[in-house]
N, C-alpha and C. Protein backbone atom coordinates (compact mmCIF):
# COMPACT_ATOMS: atom_id res chain seq x y z
N MET A 1 55.63 21.16 -30.23
CA MET A 1 55.06 20.17 -29.36
C MET A 1 53.54 20.29 -29.42
N ALA A 2 52.87 19.18 -29.65
CA ALA A 2 51.42 19.17 -29.75
C ALA A 2 50.80 19.25 -28.36
N THR A 3 49.74 20.03 -28.25
CA THR A 3 49.06 20.14 -26.96
C THR A 3 48.03 19.04 -26.84
N HIS A 4 47.61 18.83 -25.63
CA HIS A 4 46.64 17.79 -25.32
C HIS A 4 45.27 18.19 -25.90
N PRO A 5 44.50 17.24 -26.46
CA PRO A 5 43.20 17.60 -27.06
C PRO A 5 42.20 18.19 -26.06
N GLU A 6 42.25 17.76 -24.81
CA GLU A 6 41.34 18.33 -23.81
C GLU A 6 41.69 19.79 -23.52
N ILE A 7 42.97 20.09 -23.53
CA ILE A 7 43.38 21.49 -23.33
C ILE A 7 42.93 22.33 -24.51
N GLU A 8 43.02 21.80 -25.72
CA GLU A 8 42.55 22.51 -26.91
C GLU A 8 41.06 22.82 -26.81
N ARG A 9 40.26 21.84 -26.37
CA ARG A 9 38.82 22.08 -26.23
C ARG A 9 38.53 23.17 -25.20
N GLY A 10 39.24 23.10 -24.06
CA GLY A 10 39.05 24.11 -23.02
C GLY A 10 39.45 25.49 -23.48
N LEU A 11 40.56 25.59 -24.20
CA LEU A 11 41.01 26.89 -24.70
C LEU A 11 40.04 27.44 -25.75
N HIS A 12 39.49 26.56 -26.58
CA HIS A 12 38.51 26.99 -27.59
C HIS A 12 37.27 27.57 -26.91
N ALA A 13 36.82 26.90 -25.84
CA ALA A 13 35.65 27.41 -25.11
C ALA A 13 35.98 28.72 -24.41
N SER A 14 37.19 28.86 -23.87
CA SER A 14 37.55 30.10 -23.17
C SER A 14 37.66 31.26 -24.16
N VAL A 15 37.99 30.99 -25.41
CA VAL A 15 38.04 32.05 -26.43
C VAL A 15 36.64 32.62 -26.63
N LYS A 16 35.64 31.77 -26.62
CA LYS A 16 34.26 32.26 -26.77
C LYS A 16 33.89 33.20 -25.63
N VAL A 17 34.23 32.82 -24.40
CA VAL A 17 33.93 33.67 -23.24
C VAL A 17 34.71 34.97 -23.33
N PHE A 18 35.98 34.89 -23.70
CA PHE A 18 36.82 36.08 -23.80
C PHE A 18 36.29 37.03 -24.88
N ASP A 19 35.93 36.50 -26.03
CA ASP A 19 35.41 37.34 -27.12
C ASP A 19 34.12 38.05 -26.70
N PHE A 20 33.23 37.33 -26.02
CA PHE A 20 31.99 37.96 -25.56
C PHE A 20 32.29 39.08 -24.57
N ALA A 21 33.20 38.81 -23.60
CA ALA A 21 33.53 39.84 -22.61
C ALA A 21 34.22 41.02 -23.27
N LYS A 22 35.06 40.80 -24.24
CA LYS A 22 35.77 41.88 -24.94
C LYS A 22 34.79 42.75 -25.70
N GLY A 23 33.83 42.09 -26.38
CA GLY A 23 32.81 42.85 -27.12
C GLY A 23 31.91 43.65 -26.20
N ALA A 24 31.55 43.09 -25.05
CA ALA A 24 30.67 43.79 -24.12
C ALA A 24 31.40 44.96 -23.47
N LEU A 25 32.69 44.81 -23.19
CA LEU A 25 33.45 45.88 -22.55
C LEU A 25 33.84 46.98 -23.53
N ALA A 26 33.73 46.71 -24.81
CA ALA A 26 34.09 47.71 -25.82
C ALA A 26 33.07 48.84 -25.85
N THR A 27 31.87 48.59 -25.39
CA THR A 27 30.87 49.66 -25.35
C THR A 27 31.15 50.58 -24.18
N LYS A 28 30.69 51.83 -24.27
CA LYS A 28 30.95 52.82 -23.25
C LYS A 28 29.87 52.82 -22.16
N GLU A 29 28.91 51.95 -22.28
CA GLU A 29 27.80 51.93 -21.34
C GLU A 29 28.21 51.28 -20.02
N GLU A 30 27.57 51.72 -18.93
CA GLU A 30 27.85 51.18 -17.61
C GLU A 30 27.27 49.79 -17.45
N THR A 31 26.11 49.55 -17.97
CA THR A 31 25.48 48.24 -17.93
C THR A 31 25.35 47.72 -19.33
N VAL A 32 25.53 46.42 -19.45
CA VAL A 32 25.47 45.77 -20.76
C VAL A 32 24.34 44.75 -20.71
N PRO A 33 23.37 44.85 -21.61
CA PRO A 33 22.30 43.85 -21.62
C PRO A 33 22.80 42.54 -22.21
N VAL A 34 22.48 41.43 -21.57
CA VAL A 34 22.88 40.11 -22.05
C VAL A 34 21.60 39.35 -22.34
N SER A 35 21.50 38.87 -23.57
CA SER A 35 20.30 38.14 -23.95
C SER A 35 20.37 36.71 -23.41
N ARG A 36 19.23 36.08 -23.41
CA ARG A 36 19.16 34.69 -22.93
C ARG A 36 20.02 33.79 -23.82
N GLU A 37 20.03 34.04 -25.09
CA GLU A 37 20.83 33.24 -26.03
C GLU A 37 22.33 33.39 -25.75
N GLN A 38 22.77 34.64 -25.49
CA GLN A 38 24.17 34.88 -25.17
C GLN A 38 24.55 34.24 -23.83
N LEU A 39 23.67 34.32 -22.86
CA LEU A 39 23.92 33.72 -21.56
C LEU A 39 24.00 32.20 -21.67
N THR A 40 23.14 31.59 -22.50
CA THR A 40 23.19 30.15 -22.73
C THR A 40 24.51 29.76 -23.39
N GLU A 41 24.96 30.58 -24.34
CA GLU A 41 26.24 30.30 -25.01
C GLU A 41 27.41 30.41 -24.03
N LEU A 42 27.37 31.40 -23.13
CA LEU A 42 28.42 31.54 -22.10
C LEU A 42 28.42 30.35 -21.15
N ARG A 43 27.21 29.92 -20.76
CA ARG A 43 27.12 28.77 -19.86
C ARG A 43 27.68 27.52 -20.52
N ARG A 44 27.37 27.30 -21.79
CA ARG A 44 27.91 26.14 -22.51
C ARG A 44 29.44 26.21 -22.62
N ALA A 45 29.95 27.40 -22.88
CA ALA A 45 31.41 27.55 -22.98
C ALA A 45 32.07 27.28 -21.63
N GLY A 46 31.47 27.80 -20.56
CA GLY A 46 32.01 27.54 -19.21
C GLY A 46 31.95 26.07 -18.86
N LEU A 47 30.83 25.41 -19.20
CA LEU A 47 30.69 23.98 -18.96
C LEU A 47 31.73 23.18 -19.75
N ALA A 48 31.98 23.57 -21.00
CA ALA A 48 32.99 22.89 -21.83
C ALA A 48 34.38 23.07 -21.23
N MET A 49 34.67 24.28 -20.71
CA MET A 49 35.97 24.52 -20.07
C MET A 49 36.13 23.64 -18.84
N ASN A 50 35.07 23.59 -18.01
CA ASN A 50 35.14 22.77 -16.79
C ASN A 50 35.29 21.29 -17.11
N ARG A 51 34.53 20.80 -18.07
CA ARG A 51 34.62 19.37 -18.43
C ARG A 51 36.00 19.04 -18.98
N SER A 52 36.51 19.87 -19.87
CA SER A 52 37.83 19.56 -20.45
C SER A 52 38.92 19.61 -19.37
N LEU A 53 38.81 20.59 -18.47
CA LEU A 53 39.78 20.67 -17.38
C LEU A 53 39.68 19.44 -16.47
N THR A 54 38.46 19.01 -16.18
CA THR A 54 38.26 17.82 -15.34
C THR A 54 38.81 16.58 -16.01
N ARG A 55 38.51 16.39 -17.30
CA ARG A 55 39.02 15.21 -18.02
C ARG A 55 40.54 15.21 -18.07
N PHE A 56 41.11 16.38 -18.32
CA PHE A 56 42.57 16.47 -18.37
C PHE A 56 43.18 16.16 -17.02
N ALA A 57 42.60 16.68 -15.94
CA ALA A 57 43.12 16.42 -14.59
C ALA A 57 43.00 14.94 -14.25
N LYS A 58 41.85 14.33 -14.58
CA LYS A 58 41.69 12.90 -14.30
C LYS A 58 42.72 12.08 -15.06
N GLU A 59 42.92 12.41 -16.32
CA GLU A 59 43.89 11.67 -17.13
C GLU A 59 45.31 11.86 -16.59
N ALA A 60 45.63 13.09 -16.19
CA ALA A 60 46.97 13.35 -15.64
C ALA A 60 47.17 12.58 -14.34
N PHE A 61 46.13 12.54 -13.48
CA PHE A 61 46.25 11.79 -12.23
C PHE A 61 46.38 10.30 -12.49
N GLU A 62 45.64 9.78 -13.48
CA GLU A 62 45.77 8.36 -13.81
C GLU A 62 47.17 8.03 -14.31
N ILE A 63 47.71 8.90 -15.15
CA ILE A 63 49.08 8.69 -15.65
C ILE A 63 50.07 8.74 -14.50
N GLU A 64 49.90 9.72 -13.60
CA GLU A 64 50.81 9.83 -12.46
C GLU A 64 50.72 8.60 -11.57
N ASN A 65 49.50 8.13 -11.31
CA ASN A 65 49.33 6.93 -10.49
C ASN A 65 49.94 5.70 -11.15
N ARG A 66 49.74 5.56 -12.46
CA ARG A 66 50.30 4.42 -13.18
C ARG A 66 51.83 4.47 -13.15
N LEU A 67 52.40 5.65 -13.39
CA LEU A 67 53.86 5.77 -13.37
C LEU A 67 54.42 5.54 -11.97
N LEU A 68 53.72 6.01 -10.95
CA LEU A 68 54.15 5.78 -9.57
C LEU A 68 54.13 4.29 -9.24
N LEU A 69 53.08 3.60 -9.68
CA LEU A 69 53.00 2.16 -9.47
C LEU A 69 54.13 1.44 -10.21
N GLU A 70 54.41 1.87 -11.44
CA GLU A 70 55.50 1.26 -12.20
C GLU A 70 56.85 1.49 -11.51
N VAL A 71 57.04 2.68 -10.95
CA VAL A 71 58.30 2.97 -10.24
C VAL A 71 58.43 2.04 -9.04
N HIS A 72 57.34 1.86 -8.28
CA HIS A 72 57.40 0.96 -7.12
C HIS A 72 57.66 -0.48 -7.55
N MET A 73 57.02 -0.90 -8.65
CA MET A 73 57.25 -2.26 -9.15
C MET A 73 58.70 -2.42 -9.59
N LEU A 74 59.24 -1.42 -10.30
CA LEU A 74 60.63 -1.49 -10.74
C LEU A 74 61.60 -1.50 -9.56
N ARG A 75 61.29 -0.74 -8.52
CA ARG A 75 62.14 -0.78 -7.33
C ARG A 75 62.16 -2.16 -6.71
N GLY A 76 60.98 -2.79 -6.63
CA GLY A 76 60.93 -4.15 -6.09
C GLY A 76 61.69 -5.13 -6.96
N ILE A 77 61.54 -5.00 -8.27
CA ILE A 77 62.26 -5.88 -9.19
C ILE A 77 63.77 -5.67 -9.05
N MET A 78 64.20 -4.41 -8.95
CA MET A 78 65.63 -4.13 -8.84
C MET A 78 66.18 -4.64 -7.50
N LYS A 79 65.39 -4.57 -6.43
CA LYS A 79 65.85 -5.12 -5.16
C LYS A 79 66.04 -6.63 -5.27
N ARG A 80 65.07 -7.30 -5.92
CA ARG A 80 65.20 -8.76 -6.09
C ARG A 80 66.38 -9.09 -7.00
N GLU A 81 66.58 -8.30 -8.06
CA GLU A 81 67.71 -8.53 -8.95
C GLU A 81 69.03 -8.32 -8.21
N ASN A 82 69.11 -7.28 -7.38
CA ASN A 82 70.32 -7.05 -6.59
C ASN A 82 70.59 -8.21 -5.64
N THR A 83 69.53 -8.70 -5.01
CA THR A 83 69.68 -9.84 -4.10
C THR A 83 70.16 -11.06 -4.86
N ASP A 84 69.54 -11.33 -6.02
CA ASP A 84 69.97 -12.47 -6.83
C ASP A 84 71.40 -12.31 -7.30
N ARG A 85 71.76 -11.10 -7.74
CA ARG A 85 73.12 -10.87 -8.21
C ARG A 85 74.13 -11.06 -7.09
N ASP A 86 73.82 -10.53 -5.91
CA ASP A 86 74.73 -10.70 -4.77
C ASP A 86 74.85 -12.17 -4.37
N ALA A 87 73.73 -12.89 -4.42
CA ALA A 87 73.78 -14.32 -4.07
C ALA A 87 74.60 -15.09 -5.10
N ASN A 88 74.42 -14.79 -6.38
CA ASN A 88 75.21 -15.47 -7.41
C ASN A 88 76.68 -15.11 -7.29
N ARG A 89 76.96 -13.85 -6.99
CA ARG A 89 78.35 -13.42 -6.83
C ARG A 89 79.00 -14.16 -5.66
N ALA A 90 78.28 -14.26 -4.54
CA ALA A 90 78.82 -14.97 -3.38
C ALA A 90 79.02 -16.45 -3.70
N ARG A 91 78.09 -17.02 -4.46
CA ARG A 91 78.20 -18.43 -4.83
C ARG A 91 79.42 -18.66 -5.72
N VAL A 92 79.63 -17.77 -6.69
CA VAL A 92 80.79 -17.91 -7.58
C VAL A 92 82.09 -17.72 -6.81
N PHE A 93 82.13 -16.74 -5.90
CA PHE A 93 83.33 -16.54 -5.10
C PHE A 93 83.61 -17.76 -4.23
N GLU A 94 82.56 -18.35 -3.69
CA GLU A 94 82.74 -19.56 -2.88
C GLU A 94 83.28 -20.70 -3.74
N LEU A 95 82.74 -20.83 -4.96
CA LEU A 95 83.25 -21.89 -5.85
C LEU A 95 84.70 -21.64 -6.23
N PHE A 96 85.05 -20.39 -6.52
CA PHE A 96 86.44 -20.07 -6.83
C PHE A 96 87.33 -20.40 -5.63
N ARG A 97 86.86 -20.06 -4.42
CA ARG A 97 87.65 -20.34 -3.23
C ARG A 97 87.85 -21.83 -3.06
N ARG A 98 86.79 -22.61 -3.26
CA ARG A 98 86.91 -24.07 -3.14
C ARG A 98 87.89 -24.63 -4.16
N TYR A 99 87.74 -24.19 -5.40
CA TYR A 99 88.57 -24.75 -6.47
C TYR A 99 90.01 -24.29 -6.36
N SER A 100 90.24 -23.05 -5.90
CA SER A 100 91.61 -22.58 -5.82
C SER A 100 92.36 -23.21 -4.65
N HIS A 101 91.66 -23.68 -3.64
CA HIS A 101 92.31 -24.33 -2.50
C HIS A 101 92.36 -25.84 -2.65
N GLY A 102 91.89 -26.35 -3.77
CA GLY A 102 91.99 -27.79 -4.02
C GLY A 102 90.97 -28.59 -3.24
N ASP A 103 89.84 -28.03 -2.90
CA ASP A 103 88.79 -28.74 -2.18
C ASP A 103 88.07 -29.64 -3.16
N ASP A 104 88.33 -30.94 -3.12
CA ASP A 104 87.78 -31.87 -4.09
C ASP A 104 86.65 -32.71 -3.49
N ASP A 105 85.73 -32.07 -2.77
CA ASP A 105 84.66 -32.84 -2.16
C ASP A 105 83.40 -32.84 -3.01
N GLY A 106 83.51 -32.49 -4.27
CA GLY A 106 82.38 -32.57 -5.17
C GLY A 106 81.44 -31.38 -5.03
N ALA A 107 81.91 -30.20 -5.38
CA ALA A 107 81.08 -29.00 -5.25
C ALA A 107 79.91 -29.04 -6.20
N LEU A 108 80.08 -29.68 -7.37
CA LEU A 108 78.96 -29.76 -8.31
C LEU A 108 77.86 -30.66 -7.79
N ALA A 109 78.22 -31.70 -7.09
CA ALA A 109 77.20 -32.59 -6.55
C ALA A 109 76.42 -31.90 -5.45
N ALA A 110 77.07 -31.04 -4.68
CA ALA A 110 76.38 -30.32 -3.62
C ALA A 110 75.47 -29.24 -4.19
N ALA A 111 75.86 -28.69 -5.35
CA ALA A 111 75.06 -27.61 -5.93
C ALA A 111 73.76 -28.13 -6.52
N SER A 112 73.76 -29.34 -7.02
CA SER A 112 72.53 -29.86 -7.61
C SER A 112 71.73 -30.58 -6.54
N GLY A 113 70.49 -30.20 -6.38
CA GLY A 113 69.66 -30.78 -5.33
C GLY A 113 68.55 -31.62 -5.92
N SER A 114 67.76 -32.21 -5.05
CA SER A 114 66.66 -33.04 -5.52
C SER A 114 65.39 -32.21 -5.72
N ASN A 115 65.30 -31.03 -5.16
CA ASN A 115 64.14 -30.18 -5.32
C ASN A 115 64.26 -29.41 -6.62
N PRO A 116 63.31 -29.56 -7.56
CA PRO A 116 63.45 -28.86 -8.84
C PRO A 116 63.28 -27.35 -8.71
N LEU A 117 62.65 -26.87 -7.64
CA LEU A 117 62.50 -25.44 -7.47
C LEU A 117 63.80 -24.78 -7.06
N THR A 118 64.68 -25.52 -6.41
CA THR A 118 65.97 -24.95 -6.01
C THR A 118 67.10 -25.42 -6.90
N ALA A 119 66.77 -26.06 -8.01
CA ALA A 119 67.80 -26.51 -8.95
C ALA A 119 68.50 -25.30 -9.55
N PRO A 120 69.79 -25.41 -9.84
CA PRO A 120 70.50 -24.26 -10.42
C PRO A 120 70.02 -23.96 -11.82
N SER A 121 70.12 -22.71 -12.21
CA SER A 121 69.68 -22.29 -13.53
C SER A 121 70.70 -22.74 -14.58
N ALA A 122 70.35 -22.52 -15.84
CA ALA A 122 71.26 -22.89 -16.93
C ALA A 122 72.55 -22.08 -16.85
N ALA A 123 72.44 -20.82 -16.48
CA ALA A 123 73.64 -19.99 -16.35
C ALA A 123 74.53 -20.50 -15.22
N ALA A 124 73.92 -20.91 -14.12
CA ALA A 124 74.71 -21.44 -13.00
C ALA A 124 75.39 -22.74 -13.39
N MET A 125 74.68 -23.57 -14.15
CA MET A 125 75.29 -24.82 -14.61
C MET A 125 76.45 -24.54 -15.57
N ALA A 126 76.31 -23.51 -16.41
CA ALA A 126 77.40 -23.15 -17.31
C ALA A 126 78.63 -22.69 -16.53
N VAL A 127 78.41 -21.91 -15.48
CA VAL A 127 79.52 -21.46 -14.64
C VAL A 127 80.16 -22.66 -13.95
N ASP A 128 79.33 -23.59 -13.45
CA ASP A 128 79.86 -24.79 -12.82
C ASP A 128 80.71 -25.61 -13.79
N ARG A 129 80.22 -25.75 -15.03
CA ARG A 129 81.00 -26.51 -16.03
C ARG A 129 82.32 -25.81 -16.33
N ALA A 130 82.28 -24.48 -16.44
CA ALA A 130 83.52 -23.75 -16.71
C ALA A 130 84.49 -23.89 -15.55
N LEU A 131 83.98 -23.81 -14.33
CA LEU A 131 84.86 -23.95 -13.18
C LEU A 131 85.40 -25.36 -13.05
N SER A 132 84.59 -26.36 -13.38
CA SER A 132 85.09 -27.73 -13.30
C SER A 132 86.15 -27.99 -14.36
N SER A 133 85.98 -27.41 -15.57
CA SER A 133 87.02 -27.59 -16.58
C SER A 133 88.29 -26.85 -16.17
N LEU A 134 88.14 -25.69 -15.53
CA LEU A 134 89.31 -24.98 -15.01
C LEU A 134 90.00 -25.81 -13.94
N GLU A 135 89.23 -26.45 -13.09
CA GLU A 135 89.80 -27.31 -12.05
C GLU A 135 90.55 -28.49 -12.67
N ARG A 136 89.98 -29.07 -13.74
CA ARG A 136 90.68 -30.18 -14.42
C ARG A 136 91.99 -29.72 -15.03
N ILE A 137 92.01 -28.52 -15.60
CA ILE A 137 93.25 -27.99 -16.17
C ILE A 137 94.27 -27.75 -15.06
N ASP A 138 93.83 -27.17 -13.96
CA ASP A 138 94.74 -26.97 -12.82
C ASP A 138 95.27 -28.30 -12.29
N GLN A 139 94.39 -29.29 -12.21
CA GLN A 139 94.82 -30.61 -11.73
C GLN A 139 95.84 -31.22 -12.69
N SER A 140 95.63 -31.05 -13.98
CA SER A 140 96.59 -31.57 -14.95
C SER A 140 97.94 -30.87 -14.80
N ALA A 141 97.92 -29.55 -14.58
CA ALA A 141 99.17 -28.82 -14.37
C ALA A 141 99.85 -29.28 -13.08
N ARG A 142 99.07 -29.56 -12.03
CA ARG A 142 99.66 -30.05 -10.79
C ARG A 142 100.24 -31.45 -10.97
N ASP A 143 99.57 -32.28 -11.79
CA ASP A 143 100.09 -33.63 -12.03
C ASP A 143 101.40 -33.59 -12.81
N LEU A 144 101.53 -32.63 -13.70
CA LEU A 144 102.75 -32.52 -14.51
C LEU A 144 103.88 -31.84 -13.75
N SER A 145 103.57 -31.10 -12.71
CA SER A 145 104.57 -30.32 -12.00
C SER A 145 105.40 -31.22 -11.09
N PRO A 146 106.75 -31.23 -11.23
CA PRO A 146 107.58 -32.03 -10.34
C PRO A 146 107.73 -31.40 -8.96
N MET A 147 107.31 -30.16 -8.81
CA MET A 147 107.51 -29.46 -7.56
C MET A 147 106.33 -29.64 -6.61
N GLY A 148 105.25 -30.25 -7.03
CA GLY A 148 104.08 -30.42 -6.16
C GLY A 148 102.94 -29.56 -6.66
N LYS A 149 102.08 -29.20 -5.74
CA LYS A 149 100.88 -28.45 -6.08
C LYS A 149 101.25 -27.06 -6.61
N LEU A 150 100.61 -26.66 -7.69
CA LEU A 150 100.87 -25.38 -8.34
C LEU A 150 99.77 -24.41 -7.96
N CYS A 151 100.12 -23.38 -7.19
CA CYS A 151 99.13 -22.40 -6.77
C CYS A 151 99.54 -20.99 -7.21
N THR A 152 100.44 -20.87 -8.17
CA THR A 152 100.86 -19.55 -8.63
C THR A 152 100.42 -19.37 -10.07
N HIS A 153 100.09 -18.14 -10.39
CA HIS A 153 99.65 -17.83 -11.74
C HIS A 153 100.31 -16.54 -12.18
N GLY A 154 100.46 -16.33 -13.46
CA GLY A 154 100.93 -15.07 -14.01
C GLY A 154 102.34 -14.73 -13.58
N ALA A 155 102.48 -13.54 -12.98
CA ALA A 155 103.80 -13.04 -12.58
C ALA A 155 104.41 -13.91 -11.49
N GLY A 156 103.59 -14.46 -10.61
CA GLY A 156 104.11 -15.35 -9.57
C GLY A 156 104.72 -16.60 -10.17
N LEU A 157 104.13 -17.11 -11.24
CA LEU A 157 104.66 -18.28 -11.92
C LEU A 157 106.01 -17.96 -12.55
N LEU A 158 106.12 -16.79 -13.18
CA LEU A 158 107.39 -16.40 -13.79
C LEU A 158 108.47 -16.20 -12.72
N SER A 159 108.09 -15.60 -11.61
CA SER A 159 109.05 -15.39 -10.53
C SER A 159 109.52 -16.73 -9.96
N ALA A 160 108.60 -17.66 -9.77
CA ALA A 160 108.97 -18.99 -9.25
C ALA A 160 109.88 -19.71 -10.23
N LYS A 161 109.63 -19.57 -11.52
CA LYS A 161 110.48 -20.21 -12.53
C LYS A 161 111.89 -19.62 -12.49
N ARG A 162 111.98 -18.30 -12.33
CA ARG A 162 113.29 -17.66 -12.27
C ARG A 162 114.07 -18.14 -11.04
N VAL A 163 113.39 -18.26 -9.90
CA VAL A 163 114.06 -18.75 -8.69
C VAL A 163 114.50 -20.19 -8.88
N ARG A 164 113.63 -21.02 -9.47
CA ARG A 164 113.98 -22.43 -9.68
C ARG A 164 115.14 -22.57 -10.67
N ASP A 165 115.11 -21.75 -11.73
CA ASP A 165 116.21 -21.79 -12.69
C ASP A 165 117.53 -21.36 -12.03
N ALA A 166 117.45 -20.34 -11.15
CA ALA A 166 118.66 -19.89 -10.45
C ALA A 166 119.17 -21.00 -9.53
N GLN A 167 118.26 -21.71 -8.85
CA GLN A 167 118.69 -22.80 -7.97
C GLN A 167 119.29 -23.93 -8.80
N THR A 168 118.68 -24.25 -9.93
CA THR A 168 119.20 -25.31 -10.79
C THR A 168 120.58 -24.93 -11.33
N PHE A 169 120.76 -23.68 -11.74
CA PHE A 169 122.05 -23.22 -12.25
C PHE A 169 123.10 -23.29 -11.14
N HIS A 170 122.70 -22.86 -9.93
CA HIS A 170 123.63 -22.91 -8.79
C HIS A 170 124.01 -24.35 -8.46
N LEU A 171 123.06 -25.26 -8.51
CA LEU A 171 123.32 -26.68 -8.23
C LEU A 171 124.24 -27.26 -9.30
N MET A 172 123.98 -26.93 -10.55
CA MET A 172 124.85 -27.44 -11.63
C MET A 172 126.25 -26.86 -11.52
N ASP A 173 126.35 -25.59 -11.12
CA ASP A 173 127.64 -24.95 -10.95
C ASP A 173 128.41 -25.61 -9.80
N THR A 174 127.70 -25.96 -8.72
CA THR A 174 128.32 -26.62 -7.57
C THR A 174 128.79 -28.01 -7.97
N VAL A 175 127.97 -28.74 -8.70
CA VAL A 175 128.35 -30.09 -9.12
C VAL A 175 129.53 -30.01 -10.08
N ALA A 176 129.50 -29.04 -10.97
CA ALA A 176 130.60 -28.90 -11.93
C ALA A 176 131.90 -28.52 -11.23
N SER A 177 131.83 -27.64 -10.24
CA SER A 177 133.06 -27.26 -9.53
C SER A 177 133.55 -28.42 -8.67
N GLY A 178 132.63 -29.21 -8.12
CA GLY A 178 133.04 -30.38 -7.34
C GLY A 178 133.65 -31.42 -8.24
N ALA A 179 133.20 -31.55 -9.42
CA ALA A 179 133.75 -32.53 -10.39
C ALA A 179 135.16 -32.11 -10.78
N LYS A 180 135.41 -30.81 -10.87
CA LYS A 180 136.74 -30.35 -11.24
C LYS A 180 137.73 -30.67 -10.12
N ARG A 181 137.30 -30.52 -8.89
CA ARG A 181 138.18 -30.82 -7.77
C ARG A 181 138.51 -32.29 -7.69
N VAL A 182 137.55 -33.11 -8.04
CA VAL A 182 137.76 -34.53 -7.96
C VAL A 182 138.78 -34.98 -9.00
N LYS A 183 138.75 -34.36 -10.12
CA LYS A 183 139.61 -34.76 -11.20
C LYS A 183 141.11 -34.60 -10.89
N PRO A 184 141.55 -33.45 -10.35
CA PRO A 184 142.98 -33.32 -10.10
C PRO A 184 143.50 -34.28 -9.05
N ASP A 185 142.76 -34.72 -8.13
CA ASP A 185 143.27 -35.61 -7.09
C ASP A 185 143.59 -36.89 -7.69
């Protein structure tokens, strides 16, 4: 992993200070004379360490502030997306409820308004078209059904067919047995 360039500069300057201190402590003398040139070099190294540390801290704080702002913006966006998703989900459930109960008061006409800012999106219009075609198919099935309105699907439809077939078989059996009785008389 590559280190940050400001940290590299600070570490390079601290090596200079460390090397000077190591060399001065290597002598057995109690006091160590420091020349003006060496003191100037130490001051420059210390200044370079401080500047690099300051630049790195400022950059880290800027990154943290930017990321914190992005997190807050994303939270706001996600709250709006959740609200939109919940509103669309409620709208679709309401449309399904209307269509499944045979409410033919023109749900598509109510959904489209005169205000262009509140007009439904392309996705909402696609859902409306799909639901209206589903309603037309259901209406066609109800028109073809001799039993009246068809509100069963899947397993309920198969169960209703089995009951109707049993009733038809029982009716035919009753008519057939009644016909046999009529014949011998």
